[in-house]
Amino acid sequence: MQKIVFGYALCGSFCTFEKAIEQMREIAGKGYEILPIMSDNAYATDTRFGKAADFIWEIEDICKNKIIHTIVGAEPIGPKRMVDAMLISPCTGNTLAKLAGGITDTPVTMAAKSTLRIGLPVVINLATNDALGASAQNIGRLMNTKNIYFVPLRQDDPVKKPMSLVADFTQLLPTALNALEGRQLQPVLRGAAEK
């Protein structure tokens, strides 16, 4: 049986990088091959959550592959059938809006477009403070788009951030495996996170 290859694209939701990389490590540990992709901001920005160079080193060490971080590098992913599914983890509200609007101006949006163009699944592991506000229309549009799947979501802090939704990162692999079978993992909307 051929090994499953997941594209694993990271956007600039830096506060969730620790969870995203933890899931990347788990997926790799289960024997799946990972092709890493990073948005321009994710690849080049140092934040209070860590230095870009440290994240790059850790991701390349886990994946045993160099990170694709240019639009030109991401374009062949679909035509060359380099992955079986594309995981966007974390996916920001900005990237979500671009996907919903068909905008392809980052390595991550190009990786998604390139994957979708040959009918393969794209799994969105969303983390955005405006999911129940400005991004709600984009979630709705993409939930109704063929070959797009969402990792189950929940409100991460309904009192202090009532518009915010964050995916349950531990459900990334189960969502991806269901997506490979053409199924959305249910339920998509789950109760608020316990404090």
N, C-alpha and C. Protein backbone atom coordinates (compact mmCIF):
# COMPACT_ATOMS: atom_id res chain seq x y z
N MET A 1 0.84 -1.19 0.00
CA MET A 1 0.00 0.00 0.00
C MET A 1 0.88 1.25 0.00
N GLN A 2 0.51 2.21 -0.83
CA GLN A 2 1.28 3.44 -0.95
C GLN A 2 1.08 4.32 0.28
N LYS A 3 2.17 4.94 0.73
CA LYS A 3 2.12 5.83 1.90
C LYS A 3 1.31 7.09 1.59
N ILE A 4 0.47 7.50 2.52
CA ILE A 4 -0.30 8.74 2.36
C ILE A 4 0.62 9.93 2.63
N VAL A 5 0.52 10.93 1.77
CA VAL A 5 1.30 12.16 1.92
C VAL A 5 0.33 13.31 2.18
N PHE A 6 0.54 14.00 3.29
CA PHE A 6 -0.26 15.18 3.61
C PHE A 6 0.57 16.44 3.36
N GLY A 7 0.00 17.39 2.61
CA GLY A 7 0.54 18.73 2.62
C GLY A 7 0.12 19.35 3.96
N TYR A 8 1.02 20.07 4.58
CA TYR A 8 0.71 20.68 5.89
C TYR A 8 1.10 22.14 5.81
N ALA A 9 0.10 23.01 5.64
CA ALA A 9 0.34 24.43 5.41
C ALA A 9 0.03 25.24 6.66
N LEU A 10 0.97 26.08 7.06
CA LEU A 10 0.80 26.93 8.24
C LEU A 10 0.65 28.38 7.83
N CYS A 11 -0.37 29.04 8.42
CA CYS A 11 -0.58 30.48 8.24
C CYS A 11 -0.21 31.19 9.55
N GLY A 12 -0.33 32.50 9.56
CA GLY A 12 0.16 33.30 10.67
C GLY A 12 -0.69 33.39 11.92
N SER A 13 -1.36 32.34 12.32
CA SER A 13 -2.02 32.33 13.63
C SER A 13 -0.97 31.83 14.63
N PHE A 14 -0.02 32.71 14.94
CA PHE A 14 1.17 32.32 15.68
C PHE A 14 0.87 31.73 17.06
N CYS A 15 -0.22 32.19 17.68
CA CYS A 15 -0.56 31.69 19.02
C CYS A 15 -0.96 30.22 19.00
N THR A 16 -1.24 29.66 17.82
CA THR A 16 -1.61 28.25 17.73
C THR A 16 -0.50 27.38 17.14
N PHE A 17 0.67 27.96 16.88
CA PHE A 17 1.76 27.20 16.27
C PHE A 17 2.16 26.00 17.12
N GLU A 18 2.18 26.16 18.43
CA GLU A 18 2.57 25.05 19.30
C GLU A 18 1.65 23.85 19.09
N LYS A 19 0.33 24.12 19.06
CA LYS A 19 -0.65 23.04 18.82
C LYS A 19 -0.50 22.46 17.42
N ALA A 20 -0.29 23.33 16.44
CA ALA A 20 -0.16 22.87 15.05
C ALA A 20 1.06 21.97 14.88
N ILE A 21 2.17 22.37 15.47
CA ILE A 21 3.40 21.58 15.35
C ILE A 21 3.29 20.29 16.14
N GLU A 22 2.58 20.33 17.26
CA GLU A 22 2.34 19.10 18.02
C GLU A 22 1.57 18.08 17.18
N GLN A 23 0.55 18.55 16.45
CA GLN A 23 -0.22 17.65 15.58
C GLN A 23 0.62 17.16 14.40
N MET A 24 1.46 18.04 13.87
CA MET A 24 2.37 17.65 12.80
C MET A 24 3.27 16.51 13.27
N ARG A 25 3.80 16.65 14.48
CA ARG A 25 4.68 15.62 15.04
C ARG A 25 3.92 14.30 15.21
N GLU A 26 2.66 14.38 15.68
CA GLU A 26 1.85 13.16 15.86
C GLU A 26 1.57 12.48 14.53
N ILE A 27 1.22 13.26 13.52
CA ILE A 27 0.92 12.70 12.20
C ILE A 27 2.17 12.02 11.62
N ALA A 28 3.30 12.70 11.72
CA ALA A 28 4.56 12.11 11.23
C ALA A 28 4.90 10.85 12.03
N GLY A 29 4.64 10.88 13.33
CA GLY A 29 4.93 9.73 14.19
C GLY A 29 4.09 8.51 13.86
N LYS A 30 2.95 8.73 13.21
CA LYS A 30 2.09 7.60 12.81
C LYS A 30 2.46 7.07 11.43
N GLY A 31 3.54 7.59 10.86
CA GLY A 31 4.05 7.05 9.62
C GLY A 31 3.61 7.76 8.35
N TYR A 32 2.85 8.86 8.47
CA TYR A 32 2.44 9.61 7.29
C TYR A 32 3.58 10.52 6.86
N GLU A 33 3.72 10.70 5.56
CA GLU A 33 4.71 11.64 5.05
C GLU A 33 4.07 13.02 5.02
N ILE A 34 4.87 14.05 5.32
CA ILE A 34 4.35 15.43 5.36
C ILE A 34 5.20 16.33 4.48
N LEU A 35 4.51 17.08 3.62
CA LEU A 35 5.13 18.11 2.80
C LEU A 35 4.75 19.45 3.42
N PRO A 36 5.69 20.16 4.07
CA PRO A 36 5.34 21.40 4.75
C PRO A 36 5.31 22.61 3.82
N ILE A 37 4.35 23.49 4.09
CA ILE A 37 4.19 24.74 3.34
C ILE A 37 3.97 25.84 4.38
N MET A 38 4.52 27.01 4.16
CA MET A 38 4.27 28.14 5.07
C MET A 38 3.94 29.39 4.27
N SER A 39 3.02 30.19 4.82
CA SER A 39 2.73 31.49 4.22
C SER A 39 3.94 32.39 4.40
N ASP A 40 3.96 33.49 3.66
CA ASP A 40 5.06 34.44 3.76
C ASP A 40 5.25 34.90 5.20
N ASN A 41 4.15 35.29 5.85
CA ASN A 41 4.24 35.78 7.23
C ASN A 41 4.69 34.69 8.19
N ALA A 42 4.14 33.51 8.05
CA ALA A 42 4.51 32.41 8.95
C ALA A 42 5.99 32.07 8.79
N TYR A 43 6.50 32.15 7.57
CA TYR A 43 7.89 31.77 7.29
C TYR A 43 8.90 32.82 7.76
N ALA A 44 8.50 34.08 7.80
CA ALA A 44 9.48 35.15 8.00
C ALA A 44 9.30 36.00 9.25
N THR A 45 8.26 35.79 10.03
CA THR A 45 7.96 36.72 11.12
C THR A 45 8.33 36.14 12.49
N ASP A 46 9.13 36.91 13.23
CA ASP A 46 9.40 36.59 14.63
C ASP A 46 8.31 37.24 15.48
N THR A 47 7.77 36.50 16.44
CA THR A 47 6.73 37.04 17.32
C THR A 47 7.03 36.66 18.76
N ARG A 48 6.17 37.08 19.67
CA ARG A 48 6.35 36.69 21.07
C ARG A 48 6.14 35.19 21.27
N PHE A 49 5.60 34.53 20.26
CA PHE A 49 5.38 33.09 20.35
C PHE A 49 6.58 32.28 19.84
N GLY A 50 7.57 32.96 19.25
CA GLY A 50 8.77 32.26 18.80
C GLY A 50 9.40 32.90 17.58
N LYS A 51 10.62 32.49 17.31
CA LYS A 51 11.36 33.00 16.15
C LYS A 51 11.09 32.14 14.93
N ALA A 52 10.96 32.80 13.79
CA ALA A 52 10.67 32.10 12.54
C ALA A 52 11.72 31.02 12.25
N ALA A 53 12.99 31.33 12.45
CA ALA A 53 14.05 30.37 12.16
C ALA A 53 13.92 29.11 13.02
N ASP A 54 13.48 29.28 14.26
CA ASP A 54 13.30 28.11 15.15
C ASP A 54 12.14 27.24 14.67
N PHE A 55 11.04 27.88 14.26
CA PHE A 55 9.90 27.11 13.73
C PHE A 55 10.30 26.37 12.45
N ILE A 56 11.02 27.05 11.57
CA ILE A 56 11.45 26.44 10.31
C ILE A 56 12.30 25.20 10.60
N TRP A 57 13.27 25.34 11.50
CA TRP A 57 14.14 24.21 11.83
C TRP A 57 13.31 23.04 12.37
N GLU A 58 12.40 23.34 13.31
CA GLU A 58 11.59 22.28 13.94
C GLU A 58 10.70 21.58 12.91
N ILE A 59 10.04 22.35 12.06
CA ILE A 59 9.14 21.77 11.06
C ILE A 59 9.91 20.91 10.06
N GLU A 60 11.04 21.40 9.57
CA GLU A 60 11.82 20.61 8.62
C GLU A 60 12.39 19.36 9.27
N ASP A 61 12.70 19.44 10.55
CA ASP A 61 13.20 18.27 11.27
C ASP A 61 12.09 17.21 11.40
N ILE A 62 10.89 17.63 11.72
CA ILE A 62 9.76 16.70 11.86
C ILE A 62 9.43 16.07 10.51
N CYS A 63 9.33 16.89 9.48
CA CYS A 63 8.83 16.45 8.17
C CYS A 63 9.89 15.78 7.30
N LYS A 64 11.16 16.03 7.60
CA LYS A 64 12.24 15.51 6.75
C LYS A 64 12.10 16.00 5.32
N ASN A 65 11.48 17.17 5.17
CA ASN A 65 11.31 17.84 3.88
C ASN A 65 11.53 19.33 4.07
N LYS A 66 12.06 19.98 3.05
CA LYS A 66 12.19 21.44 3.08
C LYS A 66 10.81 22.07 2.96
N ILE A 67 10.64 23.21 3.60
CA ILE A 67 9.38 23.94 3.56
C ILE A 67 9.22 24.64 2.22
N ILE A 68 8.05 24.49 1.62
CA ILE A 68 7.69 25.27 0.44
C ILE A 68 7.18 26.62 0.96
N HIS A 69 7.81 27.71 0.52
CA HIS A 69 7.43 29.03 1.05
C HIS A 69 7.32 30.09 -0.04
N THR A 70 7.12 29.63 -1.27
CA THR A 70 6.89 30.57 -2.37
C THR A 70 5.69 30.08 -3.19
N ILE A 71 5.07 31.00 -3.89
CA ILE A 71 3.95 30.65 -4.78
C ILE A 71 4.45 29.72 -5.88
N VAL A 72 5.61 30.03 -6.43
CA VAL A 72 6.18 29.20 -7.50
C VAL A 72 6.43 27.78 -6.99
N GLY A 73 6.90 27.64 -5.76
CA GLY A 73 7.14 26.32 -5.19
C GLY A 73 5.87 25.54 -4.93
N ALA A 74 4.78 26.25 -4.61
CA ALA A 74 3.51 25.59 -4.29
C ALA A 74 2.70 25.19 -5.52
N GLU A 75 2.90 25.87 -6.63
CA GLU A 75 2.06 25.64 -7.82
C GLU A 75 2.08 24.20 -8.33
N PRO A 76 3.22 23.50 -8.33
CA PRO A 76 3.24 22.14 -8.88
C PRO A 76 2.62 21.07 -7.98
N ILE A 77 2.23 21.42 -6.77
CA ILE A 77 1.74 20.41 -5.82
C ILE A 77 0.61 19.57 -6.43
N GLY A 78 -0.35 20.23 -7.04
CA GLY A 78 -1.46 19.50 -7.67
C GLY A 78 -1.05 18.78 -8.94
N PRO A 79 -0.54 19.51 -9.94
CA PRO A 79 -0.20 18.86 -11.20
C PRO A 79 0.76 17.67 -11.04
N LYS A 80 1.68 17.76 -10.10
CA LYS A 80 2.62 16.65 -9.88
C LYS A 80 2.09 15.64 -8.86
N ARG A 81 0.87 15.89 -8.38
CA ARG A 81 0.22 15.01 -7.39
C ARG A 81 1.18 14.68 -6.24
N MET A 82 1.69 15.75 -5.62
CA MET A 82 2.68 15.61 -4.56
C MET A 82 2.07 15.24 -3.22
N VAL A 83 0.73 15.42 -3.07
CA VAL A 83 0.05 15.12 -1.81
C VAL A 83 -1.24 14.37 -2.09
N ASP A 84 -1.76 13.73 -1.06
CA ASP A 84 -3.08 13.10 -1.14
C ASP A 84 -4.17 14.02 -0.58
N ALA A 85 -3.77 14.93 0.30
CA ALA A 85 -4.69 15.92 0.86
C ALA A 85 -3.85 17.07 1.39
N MET A 86 -4.45 18.27 1.42
CA MET A 86 -3.78 19.45 1.94
C MET A 86 -4.43 19.84 3.26
N LEU A 87 -3.63 19.95 4.31
CA LEU A 87 -4.11 20.38 5.62
C LEU A 87 -3.62 21.81 5.84
N ILE A 88 -4.54 22.73 6.12
CA ILE A 88 -4.15 24.10 6.43
C ILE A 88 -4.34 24.25 7.94
N SER A 89 -3.22 24.29 8.65
CA SER A 89 -3.27 24.19 10.11
C SER A 89 -2.10 24.95 10.74
N PRO A 90 -2.35 26.14 11.29
CA PRO A 90 -3.64 26.80 11.42
C PRO A 90 -4.01 27.56 10.15
N CYS A 91 -5.32 27.75 9.99
CA CYS A 91 -5.85 28.58 8.91
C CYS A 91 -6.41 29.85 9.54
N THR A 92 -5.90 30.99 9.12
CA THR A 92 -6.37 32.27 9.65
C THR A 92 -7.65 32.72 8.94
N GLY A 93 -8.32 33.70 9.51
CA GLY A 93 -9.48 34.30 8.86
C GLY A 93 -9.10 34.94 7.54
N ASN A 94 -7.90 35.49 7.45
CA ASN A 94 -7.42 36.10 6.22
C ASN A 94 -7.28 35.07 5.11
N THR A 95 -6.66 33.94 5.41
CA THR A 95 -6.51 32.88 4.41
C THR A 95 -7.87 32.30 4.06
N LEU A 96 -8.73 32.13 5.05
CA LEU A 96 -10.09 31.64 4.82
C LEU A 96 -10.81 32.53 3.81
N ALA A 97 -10.72 33.86 4.00
CA ALA A 97 -11.37 34.81 3.09
C ALA A 97 -10.81 34.70 1.67
N LYS A 98 -9.50 34.54 1.57
CA LYS A 98 -8.89 34.40 0.25
C LYS A 98 -9.36 33.12 -0.44
N LEU A 99 -9.43 32.02 0.30
CA LEU A 99 -9.92 30.77 -0.28
C LEU A 99 -11.37 30.92 -0.75
N ALA A 100 -12.19 31.57 0.07
CA ALA A 100 -13.60 31.76 -0.28
C ALA A 100 -13.76 32.66 -1.50
N GLY A 101 -12.83 33.61 -1.67
CA GLY A 101 -12.91 34.54 -2.79
C GLY A 101 -12.10 34.12 -4.00
N GLY A 102 -11.45 32.96 -3.93
CA GLY A 102 -10.65 32.51 -5.06
C GLY A 102 -9.36 33.28 -5.26
N ILE A 103 -8.84 33.88 -4.20
CA ILE A 103 -7.60 34.67 -4.29
C ILE A 103 -6.41 33.76 -4.01
N THR A 104 -5.43 33.81 -4.91
CA THR A 104 -4.27 32.93 -4.80
C THR A 104 -3.01 33.79 -4.81
N ASP A 105 -2.68 34.38 -3.65
CA ASP A 105 -1.52 35.28 -3.62
C ASP A 105 -0.54 34.96 -2.50
N THR A 106 -0.63 33.74 -1.96
CA THR A 106 0.34 33.28 -0.97
C THR A 106 0.70 31.83 -1.27
N PRO A 107 1.79 31.34 -0.72
CA PRO A 107 2.11 29.92 -0.92
C PRO A 107 1.00 28.99 -0.42
N VAL A 108 0.33 29.36 0.67
CA VAL A 108 -0.72 28.49 1.22
C VAL A 108 -1.95 28.48 0.33
N THR A 109 -2.39 29.64 -0.15
CA THR A 109 -3.57 29.66 -1.03
C THR A 109 -3.26 28.98 -2.36
N MET A 110 -2.03 29.12 -2.84
CA MET A 110 -1.65 28.42 -4.07
C MET A 110 -1.62 26.91 -3.84
N ALA A 111 -1.11 26.48 -2.69
CA ALA A 111 -1.08 25.04 -2.38
C ALA A 111 -2.50 24.48 -2.34
N ALA A 112 -3.43 25.24 -1.74
CA ALA A 112 -4.83 24.80 -1.68
C ALA A 112 -5.43 24.74 -3.08
N LYS A 113 -5.25 25.81 -3.86
CA LYS A 113 -5.80 25.84 -5.23
C LYS A 113 -5.24 24.69 -6.06
N SER A 114 -3.94 24.48 -5.94
CA SER A 114 -3.27 23.44 -6.72
C SER A 114 -3.80 22.05 -6.35
N THR A 115 -4.14 21.86 -5.08
CA THR A 115 -4.69 20.59 -4.61
C THR A 115 -6.13 20.41 -5.09
N LEU A 116 -6.92 21.47 -4.96
CA LEU A 116 -8.33 21.41 -5.37
C LEU A 116 -8.48 21.22 -6.87
N ARG A 117 -7.55 21.75 -7.65
CA ARG A 117 -7.71 21.69 -9.11
C ARG A 117 -7.67 20.27 -9.65
N ILE A 118 -7.12 19.33 -8.85
CA ILE A 118 -7.13 17.93 -9.30
C ILE A 118 -8.09 17.09 -8.45
N GLY A 119 -9.00 17.78 -7.72
CA GLY A 119 -10.07 17.08 -7.02
C GLY A 119 -9.69 16.41 -5.72
N LEU A 120 -8.59 16.87 -5.10
CA LEU A 120 -8.17 16.30 -3.81
C LEU A 120 -8.66 17.17 -2.66
N PRO A 121 -8.79 16.59 -1.45
CA PRO A 121 -9.35 17.34 -0.33
C PRO A 121 -8.40 18.36 0.28
N VAL A 122 -9.01 19.46 0.73
CA VAL A 122 -8.33 20.48 1.52
C VAL A 122 -9.04 20.52 2.87
N VAL A 123 -8.27 20.37 3.94
CA VAL A 123 -8.80 20.35 5.30
C VAL A 123 -8.42 21.65 5.99
N ILE A 124 -9.42 22.37 6.50
CA ILE A 124 -9.20 23.67 7.14
C ILE A 124 -9.27 23.50 8.65
N ASN A 125 -8.16 23.84 9.30
CA ASN A 125 -8.05 23.81 10.76
C ASN A 125 -8.04 25.27 11.23
N LEU A 126 -9.23 25.82 11.39
CA LEU A 126 -9.42 27.27 11.55
C LEU A 126 -9.09 27.77 12.95
N ALA A 127 -8.51 28.97 12.99
CA ALA A 127 -8.28 29.69 14.25
C ALA A 127 -8.43 31.17 13.94
N THR A 128 -9.60 31.74 14.29
CA THR A 128 -9.82 33.16 14.00
C THR A 128 -10.75 33.79 15.02
N ASN A 129 -10.43 35.03 15.38
CA ASN A 129 -11.22 35.76 16.37
C ASN A 129 -12.52 36.31 15.80
N ASP A 130 -12.71 36.27 14.48
CA ASP A 130 -13.93 36.83 13.89
C ASP A 130 -14.76 35.79 13.15
N ALA A 131 -14.64 34.53 13.56
CA ALA A 131 -15.35 33.44 12.87
C ALA A 131 -16.86 33.61 12.89
N LEU A 132 -17.39 34.14 13.97
CA LEU A 132 -18.84 34.35 14.08
C LEU A 132 -19.23 35.78 13.70
N GLY A 133 -18.28 36.51 13.14
CA GLY A 133 -18.51 37.87 12.65
C GLY A 133 -18.24 37.92 11.16
N ALA A 134 -17.20 38.68 10.78
CA ALA A 134 -16.90 38.89 9.37
C ALA A 134 -16.56 37.60 8.62
N SER A 135 -15.95 36.64 9.31
CA SER A 135 -15.55 35.40 8.64
C SER A 135 -16.68 34.38 8.50
N ALA A 136 -17.81 34.61 9.15
CA ALA A 136 -18.89 33.62 9.12
C ALA A 136 -19.36 33.33 7.69
N GLN A 137 -19.46 34.37 6.86
CA GLN A 137 -19.90 34.14 5.47
C GLN A 137 -18.91 33.27 4.71
N ASN A 138 -17.61 33.42 5.03
CA ASN A 138 -16.59 32.62 4.34
C ASN A 138 -16.63 31.17 4.79
N ILE A 139 -16.90 30.95 6.08
CA ILE A 139 -17.05 29.58 6.59
C ILE A 139 -18.22 28.92 5.87
N GLY A 140 -19.35 29.64 5.80
CA GLY A 140 -20.53 29.10 5.13
C GLY A 140 -20.28 28.77 3.68
N ARG A 141 -19.60 29.67 2.98
CA ARG A 141 -19.31 29.44 1.56
C ARG A 141 -18.41 28.21 1.38
N LEU A 142 -17.39 28.09 2.20
CA LEU A 142 -16.45 26.98 2.04
C LEU A 142 -17.03 25.65 2.54
N MET A 143 -17.92 25.70 3.52
CA MET A 143 -18.57 24.45 3.95
C MET A 143 -19.43 23.88 2.83
N ASN A 144 -19.82 24.72 1.90
CA ASN A 144 -20.65 24.30 0.78
C ASN A 144 -19.82 24.14 -0.50
N THR A 145 -18.50 24.02 -0.35
CA THR A 145 -17.61 23.89 -1.50
C THR A 145 -17.06 22.47 -1.56
N LYS A 146 -17.14 21.89 -2.74
CA LYS A 146 -16.67 20.52 -2.93
C LYS A 146 -15.19 20.38 -2.57
N ASN A 147 -14.88 19.30 -1.87
CA ASN A 147 -13.52 18.92 -1.47
C ASN A 147 -12.90 19.80 -0.40
N ILE A 148 -13.71 20.62 0.28
CA ILE A 148 -13.21 21.39 1.43
C ILE A 148 -13.87 20.82 2.68
N TYR A 149 -13.06 20.56 3.68
CA TYR A 149 -13.51 19.95 4.93
C TYR A 149 -12.99 20.78 6.10
N PHE A 150 -13.78 20.83 7.18
CA PHE A 150 -13.40 21.60 8.36
C PHE A 150 -13.12 20.68 9.54
N VAL A 151 -12.03 20.95 10.24
CA VAL A 151 -11.79 20.32 11.53
C VAL A 151 -12.85 20.89 12.47
N PRO A 152 -13.49 20.05 13.31
CA PRO A 152 -14.52 20.55 14.22
C PRO A 152 -14.06 21.76 15.03
N LEU A 153 -15.01 22.71 15.16
CA LEU A 153 -14.74 24.02 15.77
C LEU A 153 -15.49 24.19 17.08
N ARG A 154 -14.93 25.07 17.92
CA ARG A 154 -15.65 25.47 19.13
C ARG A 154 -15.24 26.88 19.52
N GLN A 155 -16.10 27.53 20.31
CA GLN A 155 -15.74 28.84 20.85
C GLN A 155 -14.66 28.63 21.90
N ASP A 156 -13.55 29.32 21.76
CA ASP A 156 -12.46 29.15 22.71
C ASP A 156 -12.62 30.00 23.96
N ASP A 157 -13.34 31.11 23.87
CA ASP A 157 -13.60 31.95 25.04
C ASP A 157 -14.87 32.77 24.78
N PRO A 158 -16.06 32.13 25.00
CA PRO A 158 -17.32 32.78 24.65
C PRO A 158 -17.59 34.10 25.37
N VAL A 159 -17.01 34.30 26.54
CA VAL A 159 -17.26 35.53 27.30
C VAL A 159 -16.36 36.67 26.81
N LYS A 160 -15.07 36.44 26.76
CA LYS A 160 -14.14 37.51 26.39
C LYS A 160 -13.98 37.67 24.89
N LYS A 161 -14.20 36.58 24.12
CA LYS A 161 -14.06 36.63 22.66
C LYS A 161 -15.25 35.92 22.03
N PRO A 162 -16.44 36.53 22.09
CA PRO A 162 -17.65 35.82 21.66
C PRO A 162 -17.72 35.51 20.16
N MET A 163 -16.90 36.14 19.34
CA MET A 163 -16.92 35.88 17.90
C MET A 163 -15.85 34.86 17.48
N SER A 164 -15.02 34.43 18.41
CA SER A 164 -13.87 33.59 18.10
C SER A 164 -14.21 32.10 18.06
N LEU A 165 -13.68 31.42 17.04
CA LEU A 165 -13.75 29.96 16.97
C LEU A 165 -12.34 29.43 16.72
N VAL A 166 -12.04 28.32 17.38
CA VAL A 166 -10.78 27.63 17.15
C VAL A 166 -11.09 26.16 16.95
N ALA A 167 -10.45 25.58 15.94
CA ALA A 167 -10.64 24.16 15.68
C ALA A 167 -10.05 23.34 16.82
N ASP A 168 -10.56 22.14 16.97
CA ASP A 168 -10.03 21.17 17.92
C ASP A 168 -8.85 20.48 17.24
N PHE A 169 -7.65 20.97 17.49
CA PHE A 169 -6.46 20.50 16.79
C PHE A 169 -6.28 18.98 16.90
N THR A 170 -6.76 18.38 17.99
CA THR A 170 -6.62 16.93 18.15
C THR A 170 -7.46 16.16 17.13
N GLN A 171 -8.38 16.84 16.46
CA GLN A 171 -9.23 16.19 15.46
C GLN A 171 -8.73 16.39 14.03
N LEU A 172 -7.53 16.94 13.88
CA LEU A 172 -6.99 17.19 12.54
C LEU A 172 -6.82 15.89 11.74
N LEU A 173 -6.13 14.91 12.31
CA LEU A 173 -5.92 13.67 11.58
C LEU A 173 -7.23 12.93 11.32
N PRO A 174 -8.13 12.76 12.32
CA PRO A 174 -9.40 12.11 12.00
C PRO A 174 -10.19 12.82 10.90
N THR A 175 -10.15 14.16 10.90
CA THR A 175 -10.84 14.91 9.84
C THR A 175 -10.20 14.62 8.49
N ALA A 176 -8.87 14.60 8.45
CA ALA A 176 -8.15 14.35 7.20
C ALA A 176 -8.45 12.95 6.67
N LEU A 177 -8.46 11.97 7.55
CA LEU A 177 -8.73 10.59 7.10
C LEU A 177 -10.15 10.45 6.59
N ASN A 178 -11.11 11.12 7.24
CA ASN A 178 -12.49 11.13 6.74
C ASN A 178 -12.57 11.84 5.40
N ALA A 179 -11.83 12.96 5.25
CA ALA A 179 -11.83 13.72 4.00
C ALA A 179 -11.31 12.87 2.84
N LEU A 180 -10.33 12.03 3.11
CA LEU A 180 -9.82 11.14 2.07
C LEU A 180 -10.90 10.17 1.59
N GLU A 181 -11.89 9.92 2.43
CA GLU A 181 -13.03 9.06 2.07
C GLU A 181 -14.23 9.87 1.59
N GLY A 182 -14.06 11.20 1.46
CA GLY A 182 -15.14 12.07 0.99
C GLY A 182 -16.18 12.40 2.04
N ARG A 183 -15.83 12.29 3.34
CA ARG A 183 -16.77 12.55 4.43
C ARG A 183 -16.29 13.69 5.32
N GLN A 184 -17.22 14.51 5.76
CA GLN A 184 -16.94 15.55 6.75
C GLN A 184 -17.11 14.95 8.15
N LEU A 185 -16.09 15.05 8.98
CA LEU A 185 -16.19 14.58 10.37
C LEU A 185 -17.25 15.40 11.09
N GLN A 186 -18.12 14.74 11.80
CA GLN A 186 -19.23 15.40 12.49
C GLN A 186 -19.17 15.15 13.99
N PRO A 187 -19.78 16.00 14.82
CA PRO A 187 -20.33 17.29 14.45
C PRO A 187 -19.24 18.33 14.20
N VAL A 188 -19.51 19.27 13.31
CA VAL A 188 -18.53 20.30 12.97
C VAL A 188 -18.48 21.35 14.07
N LEU A 189 -19.64 21.73 14.60
CA LEU A 189 -19.66 22.72 15.68
C LEU A 189 -19.84 21.98 17.00
N ARG A 190 -18.93 22.25 17.91
CA ARG A 190 -18.94 21.56 19.21
C ARG A 190 -19.08 22.57 20.33
N GLY A 191 -19.35 22.08 21.52
CA GLY A 191 -19.53 22.96 22.67
C GLY A 191 -18.29 23.79 22.98
N ALA A 192 -18.45 24.80 23.80
CA ALA A 192 -17.34 25.69 24.16
C ALA A 192 -16.26 24.90 24.90
N ALA A 193 -15.03 25.35 24.71
CA ALA A 193 -13.90 24.71 25.39
C ALA A 193 -14.03 24.91 26.89
N GLU A 194 -13.68 23.88 27.63
CA GLU A 194 -13.74 23.97 29.09
C GLU A 194 -12.48 24.67 29.59
N LYS A 195 -12.67 25.50 30.60
CA LYS A 195 -11.51 26.24 31.16
C LYS A 195 -10.93 25.48 32.31
